[in-house]
Every structure is written in C-alpha cells, then in structure tokens.
Amino acid sequence: GLGGLGVFETADGGWVYLSAWNDKQFKTLCELADLAYLGESPEYATRLQRSIHGAEVNELLGQWISTMQLDDVVELLARHKVPAAPMRMSVEELFDDPQVVGNEMYKAVEHPTKGRLWQLRGMLEVDGDHGRMDPAPLFGEHTDEVLTELGYSGEEVSALREAGAVA
C-alpha cells in the first residue's frame, strides 16, 4: 500500500482514515509525527517511492497514531491540512457524526406501519432543494392508481385482485 494512506487505530480504540496523498501532505504528516527524516528523504519523495516502502511507513505512522486520541489526531491533521477522517464503526456513531448532522445527510420520515425511520437524503440538490423525502410505499399501496392509469376499469382491477394477480 501507499505510505501515508490507510486506516489506523488510536489510543482510545477509535479508527482514523488517513490520506496524505500528495508530497506536501506527506511531508507535513511526517513532521507532525516526529518523522521528519522520512519526509525529507529522497527515498520517500514521491508517491511511487512511498508505495514501495508503504508497509514500513504505515507501521511508523501507526505507532504514532496509536498514542493519540481519535478526536485529537483528526483535529491536529485537519489544522495542518492533512486529509483524515474518523471511521464510524456503528450506525449510531454515523448518525451522530457532526459532518453528517451538519450536512443533513439523513432525515427522519414517518412510515405508516414502521414508525420513524431514517432515510438517506438525495444527493442531487437543485436550487437548495433535495427533493421529497417520503417513506417507501406499502406493498400494493398504489396498485389501483397504476392500473387505472394503464386503462383498467374499476371492475377489471377488482377482478385482478380477486384472482390474486395483484395486491
């Protein structure tokens, strides 16, 4: 793998995804981790060279990250513009993530039989609107409407239902 790219465990049992992809980010990361010699070495100067030594580099970075709390390492790296993000290990953590909450990525909708459900917001935004957020329809909920639009009469729909052909 590429040195400076991967998932690392923190001292508090959290996990951080690190993506020091470009040379500047890698050099900054090495300075923060007290591994400046790696960032300055021609042996690690490019992504290609770091991929050759990826396991070695990530072992050293993992040792450093394993001494830090998840929030601290994410904050430190963000402050120095080294891409990193906390890994969310449960649905609860995901829904409580400040970025997810701030971007309103999920929305609660009321389902007629299941109650309150969380639904992923539409990613496409037009004029600040992400579209309607409705729960999934019940089985057969729109059968009459669809068949009527297709030209079936009320009697024909009833006959199909009685025959068990539709719900």
N, C-alpha and C. Protein backbone atom coordinates (compact mmCIF):
# COMPACT_ATOMS: atom_id res chain seq x y z
N GLY A 1 0.82 -1.19 0.00
CA GLY A 1 0.00 0.00 0.00
C GLY A 1 0.86 1.25 0.00
N LEU A 2 0.21 2.34 -0.16
CA LEU A 2 0.88 3.63 -0.20
C LEU A 2 1.15 4.14 1.20
N GLY A 3 2.38 4.51 1.47
CA GLY A 3 2.73 5.08 2.77
C GLY A 3 2.01 6.40 2.98
N GLY A 4 1.34 6.54 4.12
CA GLY A 4 0.58 7.75 4.42
C GLY A 4 -0.88 7.65 4.05
N LEU A 5 -1.30 6.46 3.63
CA LEU A 5 -2.68 6.23 3.23
C LEU A 5 -3.15 4.94 3.90
N GLY A 6 -4.23 5.03 4.68
CA GLY A 6 -4.74 3.83 5.32
C GLY A 6 -5.59 4.14 6.53
N VAL A 7 -5.96 3.08 7.23
CA VAL A 7 -6.78 3.16 8.44
C VAL A 7 -5.91 2.76 9.62
N PHE A 8 -5.95 3.57 10.68
CA PHE A 8 -5.07 3.37 11.83
C PHE A 8 -5.88 3.45 13.11
N GLU A 9 -5.51 2.59 14.08
CA GLU A 9 -6.20 2.59 15.38
C GLU A 9 -5.57 3.62 16.31
N THR A 10 -6.43 4.30 17.07
CA THR A 10 -5.97 5.31 18.02
C THR A 10 -5.95 4.74 19.44
N ALA A 11 -5.37 5.49 20.37
CA ALA A 11 -5.21 5.02 21.75
C ALA A 11 -6.54 4.72 22.42
N ASP A 12 -7.59 5.42 22.05
CA ASP A 12 -8.89 5.22 22.69
C ASP A 12 -9.75 4.18 21.97
N GLY A 13 -9.14 3.41 21.06
CA GLY A 13 -9.88 2.35 20.37
C GLY A 13 -10.63 2.83 19.14
N GLY A 14 -10.47 4.10 18.79
CA GLY A 14 -11.09 4.62 17.57
C GLY A 14 -10.24 4.28 16.36
N TRP A 15 -10.75 4.62 15.20
CA TRP A 15 -10.04 4.37 13.95
C TRP A 15 -10.08 5.64 13.11
N VAL A 16 -8.96 5.97 12.51
CA VAL A 16 -8.87 7.15 11.67
C VAL A 16 -8.41 6.73 10.27
N TYR A 17 -9.06 7.31 9.26
CA TYR A 17 -8.64 7.10 7.88
C TYR A 17 -7.73 8.26 7.52
N LEU A 18 -6.55 7.95 7.06
CA LEU A 18 -5.53 8.94 6.74
C LEU A 18 -5.26 8.89 5.24
N SER A 19 -5.18 10.08 4.63
CA SER A 19 -4.96 10.14 3.18
C SER A 19 -3.98 11.25 2.83
N ALA A 20 -2.73 11.07 3.28
CA ALA A 20 -1.67 12.02 2.93
C ALA A 20 -1.19 11.66 1.53
N TRP A 21 -1.96 12.03 0.56
CA TRP A 21 -1.80 11.57 -0.81
C TRP A 21 -0.66 12.26 -1.54
N ASN A 22 -0.59 13.57 -1.41
CA ASN A 22 0.44 14.26 -2.19
C ASN A 22 1.72 14.48 -1.37
N ASP A 23 2.75 14.91 -2.03
CA ASP A 23 4.07 15.03 -1.40
C ASP A 23 4.07 16.04 -0.25
N LYS A 24 3.40 17.16 -0.44
CA LYS A 24 3.34 18.19 0.61
C LYS A 24 2.62 17.66 1.85
N GLN A 25 1.49 16.99 1.65
CA GLN A 25 0.75 16.42 2.78
C GLN A 25 1.59 15.38 3.51
N PHE A 26 2.29 14.55 2.74
CA PHE A 26 3.12 13.52 3.36
C PHE A 26 4.23 14.14 4.19
N LYS A 27 4.87 15.15 3.67
CA LYS A 27 5.96 15.82 4.39
C LYS A 27 5.43 16.45 5.68
N THR A 28 4.27 17.11 5.61
CA THR A 28 3.66 17.71 6.80
C THR A 28 3.33 16.63 7.82
N LEU A 29 2.75 15.53 7.36
CA LEU A 29 2.41 14.42 8.25
C LEU A 29 3.65 13.90 8.96
N CYS A 30 4.72 13.72 8.24
CA CYS A 30 5.96 13.23 8.84
C CYS A 30 6.49 14.19 9.90
N GLU A 31 6.41 15.49 9.63
CA GLU A 31 6.84 16.48 10.62
C GLU A 31 5.99 16.38 11.88
N LEU A 32 4.68 16.26 11.73
CA LEU A 32 3.78 16.16 12.88
C LEU A 32 4.07 14.90 13.70
N ALA A 33 4.42 13.81 13.02
CA ALA A 33 4.66 12.52 13.68
C ALA A 33 6.10 12.39 14.19
N ASP A 34 6.86 13.47 14.13
CA ASP A 34 8.27 13.45 14.54
C ASP A 34 9.06 12.44 13.70
N LEU A 35 8.68 12.37 12.43
CA LEU A 35 9.35 11.50 11.46
C LEU A 35 9.83 12.34 10.28
N ALA A 36 10.30 13.55 10.56
CA ALA A 36 10.69 14.50 9.51
C ALA A 36 11.71 13.89 8.55
N TYR A 37 12.55 13.00 9.06
CA TYR A 37 13.57 12.39 8.20
C TYR A 37 12.94 11.63 7.03
N LEU A 38 11.73 11.06 7.24
CA LEU A 38 11.04 10.37 6.14
C LEU A 38 10.59 11.37 5.08
N GLY A 39 10.00 12.46 5.55
CA GLY A 39 9.50 13.47 4.62
C GLY A 39 10.59 14.16 3.84
N GLU A 40 11.80 14.16 4.37
CA GLU A 40 12.93 14.83 3.71
C GLU A 40 13.78 13.88 2.88
N SER A 41 13.58 12.59 3.05
CA SER A 41 14.40 11.60 2.37
C SER A 41 13.98 11.44 0.91
N PRO A 42 14.96 11.43 -0.01
CA PRO A 42 14.63 11.18 -1.43
C PRO A 42 13.98 9.81 -1.63
N GLU A 43 14.23 8.89 -0.71
CA GLU A 43 13.67 7.54 -0.80
C GLU A 43 12.14 7.53 -0.66
N TYR A 44 11.57 8.60 -0.10
CA TYR A 44 10.13 8.69 0.13
C TYR A 44 9.53 9.93 -0.54
N ALA A 45 10.25 10.53 -1.47
CA ALA A 45 9.88 11.83 -2.03
C ALA A 45 8.63 11.81 -2.91
N THR A 46 8.34 10.68 -3.53
CA THR A 46 7.18 10.63 -4.44
C THR A 46 6.22 9.52 -4.01
N ARG A 47 5.00 9.59 -4.54
CA ARG A 47 4.01 8.54 -4.23
C ARG A 47 4.53 7.17 -4.64
N LEU A 48 5.17 7.08 -5.79
CA LEU A 48 5.70 5.80 -6.25
C LEU A 48 6.70 5.25 -5.25
N GLN A 49 7.61 6.09 -4.79
CA GLN A 49 8.60 5.63 -3.82
C GLN A 49 7.93 5.25 -2.49
N ARG A 50 6.92 6.02 -2.10
CA ARG A 50 6.23 5.70 -0.84
C ARG A 50 5.42 4.41 -0.96
N SER A 51 4.99 4.07 -2.17
CA SER A 51 4.27 2.81 -2.33
C SER A 51 5.23 1.63 -2.20
N ILE A 52 6.47 1.81 -2.60
CA ILE A 52 7.48 0.75 -2.46
C ILE A 52 7.74 0.48 -0.98
N HIS A 53 7.73 1.53 -0.17
CA HIS A 53 8.02 1.42 1.26
C HIS A 53 6.77 1.62 2.12
N GLY A 54 5.59 1.37 1.53
CA GLY A 54 4.33 1.66 2.21
C GLY A 54 4.16 0.98 3.55
N ALA A 55 4.47 -0.30 3.63
CA ALA A 55 4.28 -1.03 4.89
C ALA A 55 5.15 -0.45 5.99
N GLU A 56 6.39 -0.15 5.67
CA GLU A 56 7.32 0.43 6.65
C GLU A 56 6.82 1.80 7.13
N VAL A 57 6.44 2.64 6.19
CA VAL A 57 5.96 3.99 6.54
C VAL A 57 4.70 3.90 7.39
N ASN A 58 3.75 3.06 6.99
CA ASN A 58 2.49 2.97 7.72
C ASN A 58 2.68 2.34 9.10
N GLU A 59 3.64 1.46 9.24
CA GLU A 59 3.96 0.91 10.57
C GLU A 59 4.39 2.03 11.50
N LEU A 60 5.27 2.90 11.03
CA LEU A 60 5.74 4.02 11.86
C LEU A 60 4.61 5.00 12.16
N LEU A 61 3.80 5.31 11.16
CA LEU A 61 2.67 6.21 11.38
C LEU A 61 1.66 5.59 12.34
N GLY A 62 1.44 4.29 12.20
CA GLY A 62 0.53 3.59 13.10
C GLY A 62 0.99 3.64 14.54
N GLN A 63 2.29 3.52 14.76
CA GLN A 63 2.82 3.62 16.12
C GLN A 63 2.55 5.00 16.71
N TRP A 64 2.73 6.04 15.90
CA TRP A 64 2.48 7.40 16.37
C TRP A 64 1.00 7.62 16.65
N ILE A 65 0.15 7.24 15.71
CA ILE A 65 -1.29 7.44 15.86
C ILE A 65 -1.84 6.65 17.04
N SER A 66 -1.25 5.50 17.32
CA SER A 66 -1.74 4.65 18.42
C SER A 66 -1.53 5.28 19.79
N THR A 67 -0.79 6.37 19.85
CA THR A 67 -0.57 7.06 21.13
C THR A 67 -1.53 8.22 21.33
N MET A 68 -2.37 8.49 20.33
CA MET A 68 -3.24 9.67 20.36
C MET A 68 -4.71 9.28 20.44
N GLN A 69 -5.52 10.21 20.97
CA GLN A 69 -6.97 10.05 20.99
C GLN A 69 -7.51 10.37 19.59
N LEU A 70 -8.57 9.71 19.21
CA LEU A 70 -9.15 9.89 17.88
C LEU A 70 -9.43 11.36 17.56
N ASP A 71 -10.16 12.04 18.43
CA ASP A 71 -10.51 13.43 18.16
C ASP A 71 -9.28 14.31 18.04
N ASP A 72 -8.27 14.02 18.86
CA ASP A 72 -7.05 14.84 18.83
C ASP A 72 -6.28 14.68 17.52
N VAL A 73 -6.15 13.44 17.05
CA VAL A 73 -5.40 13.23 15.80
C VAL A 73 -6.15 13.82 14.61
N VAL A 74 -7.47 13.68 14.59
CA VAL A 74 -8.25 14.24 13.48
C VAL A 74 -8.14 15.76 13.48
N GLU A 75 -8.25 16.37 14.66
CA GLU A 75 -8.16 17.83 14.77
C GLU A 75 -6.78 18.33 14.37
N LEU A 76 -5.74 17.65 14.84
CA LEU A 76 -4.37 18.04 14.52
C LEU A 76 -4.12 17.98 13.01
N LEU A 77 -4.51 16.89 12.41
CA LEU A 77 -4.28 16.74 10.97
C LEU A 77 -5.11 17.74 10.17
N ALA A 78 -6.34 17.99 10.58
CA ALA A 78 -7.17 18.98 9.88
C ALA A 78 -6.54 20.37 9.97
N ARG A 79 -6.03 20.70 11.13
CA ARG A 79 -5.41 22.01 11.33
C ARG A 79 -4.22 22.21 10.40
N HIS A 80 -3.54 21.12 10.08
CA HIS A 80 -2.36 21.19 9.21
C HIS A 80 -2.65 20.75 7.77
N LYS A 81 -3.95 20.64 7.46
CA LYS A 81 -4.40 20.32 6.10
C LYS A 81 -3.90 18.98 5.56
N VAL A 82 -3.85 18.01 6.47
CA VAL A 82 -3.56 16.63 6.08
C VAL A 82 -4.89 15.88 6.13
N PRO A 83 -5.40 15.40 5.00
CA PRO A 83 -6.71 14.77 4.98
C PRO A 83 -6.79 13.54 5.89
N ALA A 84 -7.77 13.58 6.78
CA ALA A 84 -8.02 12.47 7.71
C ALA A 84 -9.47 12.57 8.17
N ALA A 85 -10.04 11.44 8.52
CA ALA A 85 -11.42 11.43 8.99
C ALA A 85 -11.61 10.27 9.96
N PRO A 86 -12.45 10.47 10.97
CA PRO A 86 -12.73 9.37 11.88
C PRO A 86 -13.57 8.31 11.18
N MET A 87 -13.27 7.06 11.46
CA MET A 87 -14.07 5.96 10.94
C MET A 87 -15.23 5.75 11.90
N ARG A 88 -16.42 5.63 11.38
CA ARG A 88 -17.60 5.40 12.20
C ARG A 88 -17.90 3.91 12.19
N MET A 89 -17.92 3.31 13.38
CA MET A 89 -18.00 1.86 13.48
C MET A 89 -19.41 1.35 13.77
N SER A 90 -20.36 2.26 14.00
CA SER A 90 -21.73 1.83 14.25
C SER A 90 -22.68 2.82 13.60
N VAL A 91 -23.92 2.41 13.42
CA VAL A 91 -24.93 3.29 12.85
C VAL A 91 -25.13 4.50 13.74
N GLU A 92 -25.12 4.29 15.06
CA GLU A 92 -25.30 5.40 15.99
C GLU A 92 -24.19 6.44 15.83
N GLU A 93 -22.95 5.98 15.71
CA GLU A 93 -21.84 6.91 15.51
C GLU A 93 -21.99 7.66 14.19
N LEU A 94 -22.44 6.97 13.18
CA LEU A 94 -22.62 7.61 11.88
C LEU A 94 -23.67 8.72 11.97
N PHE A 95 -24.82 8.41 12.57
CA PHE A 95 -25.89 9.41 12.66
C PHE A 95 -25.50 10.59 13.54
N ASP A 96 -24.61 10.37 14.51
CA ASP A 96 -24.19 11.44 15.42
C ASP A 96 -22.98 12.21 14.92
N ASP A 97 -22.38 11.79 13.82
CA ASP A 97 -21.19 12.46 13.31
C ASP A 97 -21.52 13.92 12.98
N PRO A 98 -20.71 14.86 13.48
CA PRO A 98 -21.01 16.28 13.24
C PRO A 98 -21.12 16.64 11.76
N GLN A 99 -20.31 16.02 10.91
CA GLN A 99 -20.37 16.31 9.47
C GLN A 99 -21.68 15.81 8.87
N VAL A 100 -22.09 14.61 9.27
CA VAL A 100 -23.34 14.04 8.77
C VAL A 100 -24.52 14.88 9.23
N VAL A 101 -24.51 15.27 10.51
CA VAL A 101 -25.58 16.10 11.06
C VAL A 101 -25.59 17.46 10.38
N GLY A 102 -24.41 18.09 10.27
CA GLY A 102 -24.32 19.41 9.67
C GLY A 102 -24.77 19.46 8.22
N ASN A 103 -24.53 18.39 7.49
CA ASN A 103 -24.94 18.33 6.08
C ASN A 103 -26.34 17.76 5.89
N GLU A 104 -27.00 17.45 7.01
CA GLU A 104 -28.35 16.88 6.98
C GLU A 104 -28.44 15.73 5.98
N MET A 105 -27.50 14.79 6.10
CA MET A 105 -27.43 13.69 5.15
C MET A 105 -28.53 12.66 5.34
N TYR A 106 -29.08 12.59 6.55
CA TYR A 106 -30.18 11.68 6.83
C TYR A 106 -31.34 12.48 7.39
N LYS A 107 -32.54 12.01 7.13
CA LYS A 107 -33.72 12.69 7.63
C LYS A 107 -34.69 11.64 8.14
N ALA A 108 -35.35 11.97 9.24
CA ALA A 108 -36.36 11.07 9.79
C ALA A 108 -37.66 11.23 9.00
N VAL A 109 -38.26 10.10 8.63
CA VAL A 109 -39.57 10.11 7.97
C VAL A 109 -40.48 9.16 8.74
N GLU A 110 -41.77 9.45 8.71
CA GLU A 110 -42.75 8.61 9.40
C GLU A 110 -43.32 7.60 8.41
N HIS A 111 -43.17 6.33 8.76
CA HIS A 111 -43.71 5.25 7.94
C HIS A 111 -45.04 4.83 8.58
N PRO A 112 -46.07 4.55 7.77
CA PRO A 112 -47.38 4.25 8.34
C PRO A 112 -47.44 3.01 9.24
N THR A 113 -46.56 2.04 9.03
CA THR A 113 -46.58 0.85 9.89
C THR A 113 -45.30 0.66 10.69
N LYS A 114 -44.20 1.22 10.24
CA LYS A 114 -42.90 1.02 10.91
C LYS A 114 -42.54 2.16 11.84
N GLY A 115 -43.29 3.26 11.79
CA GLY A 115 -42.96 4.40 12.65
C GLY A 115 -41.85 5.24 12.05
N ARG A 116 -41.04 5.81 12.94
CA ARG A 116 -39.98 6.72 12.50
C ARG A 116 -38.79 5.93 11.93
N LEU A 117 -38.40 6.28 10.69
CA LEU A 117 -37.26 5.65 10.02
C LEU A 117 -36.32 6.74 9.53
N TRP A 118 -35.04 6.38 9.46
CA TRP A 118 -34.05 7.31 8.90
C TRP A 118 -33.86 6.98 7.44
N GLN A 119 -33.81 8.03 6.62
CA GLN A 119 -33.67 7.85 5.18
C GLN A 119 -32.54 8.75 4.68
N LEU A 120 -31.74 8.22 3.78
CA LEU A 120 -30.65 8.98 3.18
C LEU A 120 -31.22 10.09 2.31
N ARG A 121 -30.74 11.29 2.52
CA ARG A 121 -31.20 12.44 1.74
C ARG A 121 -30.67 12.31 0.31
N GLY A 122 -31.44 12.80 -0.63
CA GLY A 122 -30.99 12.81 -2.02
C GLY A 122 -29.72 13.63 -2.16
N MET A 123 -28.77 13.13 -2.92
CA MET A 123 -27.50 13.84 -3.07
C MET A 123 -27.59 14.98 -4.07
N LEU A 124 -28.53 14.89 -5.01
CA LEU A 124 -28.69 15.94 -6.01
C LEU A 124 -29.44 17.10 -5.37
N GLU A 125 -28.89 18.28 -5.52
CA GLU A 125 -29.52 19.48 -4.96
C GLU A 125 -29.78 20.46 -6.11
N VAL A 126 -31.03 20.91 -6.23
CA VAL A 126 -31.40 21.89 -7.24
C VAL A 126 -32.03 23.07 -6.54
N ASP A 127 -31.43 24.23 -6.68
CA ASP A 127 -31.91 25.45 -6.03
C ASP A 127 -32.12 25.24 -4.53
N GLY A 128 -31.18 24.56 -3.89
CA GLY A 128 -31.25 24.34 -2.45
C GLY A 128 -32.22 23.27 -2.00
N ASP A 129 -32.84 22.56 -2.95
CA ASP A 129 -33.84 21.55 -2.61
C ASP A 129 -33.30 20.16 -2.97
N HIS A 130 -33.46 19.23 -2.04
CA HIS A 130 -33.01 17.85 -2.27
C HIS A 130 -34.16 16.92 -2.64
N GLY A 131 -35.31 17.49 -2.89
CA GLY A 131 -36.46 16.66 -3.28
C GLY A 131 -37.23 16.15 -2.08
N ARG A 132 -38.34 15.49 -2.38
CA ARG A 132 -39.22 14.97 -1.33
C ARG A 132 -38.58 13.80 -0.61
N MET A 133 -38.90 13.70 0.66
CA MET A 133 -38.43 12.58 1.48
C MET A 133 -39.67 11.86 2.01
N ASP A 134 -40.10 10.83 1.34
CA ASP A 134 -41.25 10.06 1.76
C ASP A 134 -40.82 8.64 2.07
N PRO A 135 -41.52 7.98 2.99
CA PRO A 135 -41.19 6.57 3.23
C PRO A 135 -41.58 5.72 2.02
N ALA A 136 -41.00 4.55 1.94
CA ALA A 136 -41.35 3.62 0.86
C ALA A 136 -42.83 3.26 0.97
N PRO A 137 -43.51 3.07 -0.15
CA PRO A 137 -44.93 2.72 -0.09
C PRO A 137 -45.13 1.31 0.46
N LEU A 138 -46.32 1.09 0.98
CA LEU A 138 -46.68 -0.24 1.45
C LEU A 138 -46.89 -1.15 0.24
N PHE A 139 -46.79 -2.45 0.46
CA PHE A 139 -46.99 -3.42 -0.61
C PHE A 139 -48.40 -3.25 -1.18
N GLY A 140 -48.49 -3.00 -2.46
CA GLY A 140 -49.78 -2.86 -3.13
C GLY A 140 -50.47 -1.52 -2.92
N GLU A 141 -49.81 -0.58 -2.27
CA GLU A 141 -50.43 0.70 -1.93
C GLU A 141 -50.91 1.46 -3.16
N HIS A 142 -50.21 1.37 -4.26
CA HIS A 142 -50.54 2.15 -5.45
C HIS A 142 -51.08 1.30 -6.60
N THR A 143 -51.48 0.07 -6.31
CA THR A 143 -51.94 -0.83 -7.37
C THR A 143 -53.11 -0.25 -8.14
N ASP A 144 -54.14 0.20 -7.42
CA ASP A 144 -55.33 0.73 -8.10
C ASP A 144 -54.96 1.93 -8.98
N GLU A 145 -54.16 2.82 -8.44
CA GLU A 145 -53.75 4.02 -9.16
C GLU A 145 -52.99 3.66 -10.44
N VAL A 146 -52.04 2.74 -10.34
CA VAL A 146 -51.23 2.37 -11.51
C VAL A 146 -52.09 1.68 -12.56
N LEU A 147 -52.92 0.73 -12.14
CA LEU A 147 -53.74 0.01 -13.11
C LEU A 147 -54.76 0.93 -13.77
N THR A 148 -55.30 1.87 -13.02
CA THR A 148 -56.24 2.84 -13.60
C THR A 148 -55.53 3.70 -14.64
N GLU A 149 -54.30 4.13 -14.33
CA GLU A 149 -53.52 4.92 -15.30
C GLU A 149 -53.23 4.11 -16.56
N LEU A 150 -53.14 2.79 -16.42
CA LEU A 150 -52.89 1.92 -17.57
C LEU A 150 -54.16 1.60 -18.35
N GLY A 151 -55.30 2.13 -17.87
CA GLY A 151 -56.55 1.97 -18.61
C GLY A 151 -57.47 0.88 -18.10
N TYR A 152 -57.15 0.24 -17.00
CA TYR A 152 -58.05 -0.78 -16.45
C TYR A 152 -59.22 -0.11 -15.75
N SER A 153 -60.39 -0.70 -15.89
CA SER A 153 -61.58 -0.18 -15.21
C SER A 153 -61.58 -0.65 -13.76
N GLY A 154 -62.43 -0.06 -12.95
CA GLY A 154 -62.55 -0.47 -11.56
C GLY A 154 -62.93 -1.94 -11.43
N GLU A 155 -63.82 -2.39 -12.32
CA GLU A 155 -64.24 -3.80 -12.29
C GLU A 155 -63.08 -4.73 -12.65
N GLU A 156 -62.28 -4.32 -13.63
CA GLU A 156 -61.13 -5.15 -14.04
C GLU A 156 -60.09 -5.23 -12.92
N VAL A 157 -59.87 -4.11 -12.23
CA VAL A 157 -58.92 -4.10 -11.11
C VAL A 157 -59.42 -5.03 -10.01
N SER A 158 -60.72 -4.96 -9.72
CA SER A 158 -61.30 -5.83 -8.68
C SER A 158 -61.16 -7.30 -9.07
N ALA A 159 -61.38 -7.60 -10.35
CA ALA A 159 -61.26 -8.99 -10.82
C ALA A 159 -59.81 -9.48 -10.69
N LEU A 160 -58.86 -8.63 -11.03
CA LEU A 160 -57.44 -9.00 -10.89
C LEU A 160 -57.09 -9.26 -9.43
N ARG A 161 -57.62 -8.41 -8.55
CA ARG A 161 -57.34 -8.56 -7.12
C ARG A 161 -57.96 -9.87 -6.60
N GLU A 162 -59.21 -10.14 -6.98
CA GLU A 162 -59.90 -11.36 -6.53
C GLU A 162 -59.19 -12.61 -7.05
N ALA A 163 -58.60 -12.51 -8.23
CA ALA A 163 -57.89 -13.66 -8.80
C ALA A 163 -56.50 -13.83 -8.18
N GLY A 164 -56.09 -12.87 -7.35
CA GLY A 164 -54.77 -12.94 -6.71
C GLY A 164 -53.64 -12.51 -7.62
N ALA A 165 -53.98 -11.87 -8.74
CA ALA A 165 -52.96 -11.46 -9.70
C ALA A 165 -52.23 -10.20 -9.26
N VAL A 166 -52.89 -9.38 -8.44
CA VAL A 166 -52.28 -8.14 -7.93
C VAL A 166 -52.59 -8.00 -6.45
N ALA A 167 -51.82 -7.16 -5.80
CA ALA A 167 -52.04 -6.92 -4.36
C ALA A 167 -52.87 -5.66 -4.19
